[in-house]
Amino acid sequence: LDLLKPIYKETARNGHFGKKHFAWEKSKKLKIPEQLQEKLQIAKMSNGDVKRTSINGV
């Protein structure tokens, strides 16, 4: 595993959270394909989470 190499020094020192130079600390925008978005919307409506209005809009 070559654990004595200095590449592990930064992750071992005071933990690795909040260090911007690590790739896993950089957030990315989530890309959801259109087909999946449609399925998610249908599932959202079918489980009763969406409020439905009456015919009169009340």
C-alpha atoms as a PDB file:
ATOM      1  CA  LEU A   1       0.000   0.000   0.000  1.00  0.00           C
ATOM      2  CA  ASP A   2       2.994   2.331   0.342  1.00  0.00           C
ATOM      3  CA  LEU A   3       1.511   3.988   3.428  1.00  0.00           C
ATOM      4  CA  LEU A   4       4.831   5.642   4.245  1.00  0.00           C
ATOM      5  CA  LYS A   5       4.744   7.822   1.130  1.00  0.00           C
ATOM      6  CA  PRO A   6       4.123  11.513   1.858  1.00  0.00           C
ATOM      7  CA  ILE A   7       0.962  11.585  -0.293  1.00  0.00           C
ATOM      8  CA  TYR A   8      -1.004  10.407   2.753  1.00  0.00           C
ATOM      9  CA  LYS A   9       0.381  13.053   5.092  1.00  0.00           C
ATOM     10  CA  GLU A  10      -2.291  15.702   4.331  1.00  0.00           C
ATOM     11  CA  THR A  11      -5.186  13.289   4.857  1.00  0.00           C
ATOM     12  CA  ALA A  12      -3.726  11.925   8.085  1.00  0.00           C
ATOM     13  CA  ARG A  13      -3.007  15.337   9.620  1.00  0.00           C
ATOM     14  CA  ASN A  14      -6.035  16.682  11.543  1.00  0.00           C
ATOM     15  CA  GLY A  15      -8.484  14.759   9.371  1.00  0.00           C
ATOM     16  CA  HIS A  16      -9.411  15.477   5.782  1.00  0.00           C
ATOM     17  CA  PHE A  17     -12.739  17.317   6.051  1.00  0.00           C
ATOM     18  CA  GLY A  18     -12.907  20.913   4.892  1.00  0.00           C
ATOM     19  CA  LYS A  19      -9.662  20.870   2.916  1.00  0.00           C
ATOM     20  CA  LYS A  20     -10.511  22.387  -0.454  1.00  0.00           C
ATOM     21  CA  HIS A  21      -7.611  20.829  -2.378  1.00  0.00           C
ATOM     22  CA  PHE A  22      -9.076  17.323  -2.075  1.00  0.00           C
ATOM     23  CA  ALA A  23     -11.301  16.376  -4.999  1.00  0.00           C
ATOM     24  CA  TRP A  24     -13.987  14.850  -2.771  1.00  0.00           C
ATOM     25  CA  GLU A  25     -14.461  18.174  -0.964  1.00  0.00           C
ATOM     26  CA  LYS A  26     -15.447  19.990  -4.176  1.00  0.00           C
ATOM     27  CA  SER A  27     -19.177  19.917  -4.830  1.00  0.00           C
ATOM     28  CA  LYS A  28     -20.594  19.317  -8.281  1.00  0.00           C
ATOM     29  CA  LYS A  29     -23.959  20.201  -9.744  1.00  0.00           C
ATOM     30  CA  LEU A  30     -26.175  17.151  -9.972  1.00  0.00           C
ATOM     31  CA  LYS A  31     -27.258  16.350 -13.518  1.00  0.00           C
ATOM     32  CA  ILE A  32     -30.517  14.396 -13.672  1.00  0.00           C
ATOM     33  CA  PRO A  33     -31.507  13.041 -17.092  1.00  0.00           C
ATOM     34  CA  GLU A  34     -34.916  14.218 -18.344  1.00  0.00           C
ATOM     35  CA  GLN A  35     -36.393  10.712 -18.336  1.00  0.00           C
ATOM     36  CA  LEU A  36     -35.477  10.292 -14.691  1.00  0.00           C
ATOM     37  CA  GLN A  37     -36.854  13.732 -13.821  1.00  0.00           C
ATOM     38  CA  GLU A  38     -40.194  12.716 -15.339  1.00  0.00           C
ATOM     39  CA  LYS A  39     -40.218   9.479 -13.328  1.00  0.00           C
ATOM     40  CA  LEU A  40     -39.392  11.372 -10.145  1.00  0.00           C
ATOM     41  CA  GLN A  41     -42.215  13.836 -10.792  1.00  0.00           C
ATOM     42  CA  ILE A  42     -44.701  11.000 -11.383  1.00  0.00           C
ATOM     43  CA  ALA A  43     -43.567   9.242  -8.195  1.00  0.00           C
ATOM     44  CA  LYS A  44     -43.905  12.493  -6.264  1.00  0.00           C
ATOM     45  CA  MET A  45     -47.514  12.894  -7.426  1.00  0.00           C
ATOM     46  CA  SER A  46     -48.453   9.256  -6.857  1.00  0.00           C
ATOM     47  CA  ASN A  47     -47.422   9.181  -3.194  1.00  0.00           C
ATOM     48  CA  GLY A  48     -49.761  12.027  -2.227  1.00  0.00           C
ATOM     49  CA  ASP A  49     -47.139  14.681  -1.483  1.00  0.00           C
ATOM     50  CA  VAL A  50     -48.519  17.096  -4.064  1.00  0.00           C
ATOM     51  CA  LYS A  51     -51.512  19.162  -2.965  1.00  0.00           C
ATOM     52  CA  ARG A  52     -54.358  18.890  -5.409  1.00  0.00           C
ATOM     53  CA  THR A  53     -56.848  21.668  -5.920  1.00  0.00           C
ATOM     54  CA  SER A  54     -60.519  21.195  -6.615  1.00  0.00           C
ATOM     55  CA  ILE A  55     -62.181  22.027  -9.913  1.00  0.00           C
ATOM     56  CA  ASN A  56     -62.893  25.552  -8.693  1.00  0.00           C
ATOM     57  CA  GLY A  57     -59.249  26.058  -7.680  1.00  0.00           C
ATOM     58  CA  VAL A  58     -60.110  26.318  -3.981  1.00  0.00           C
END
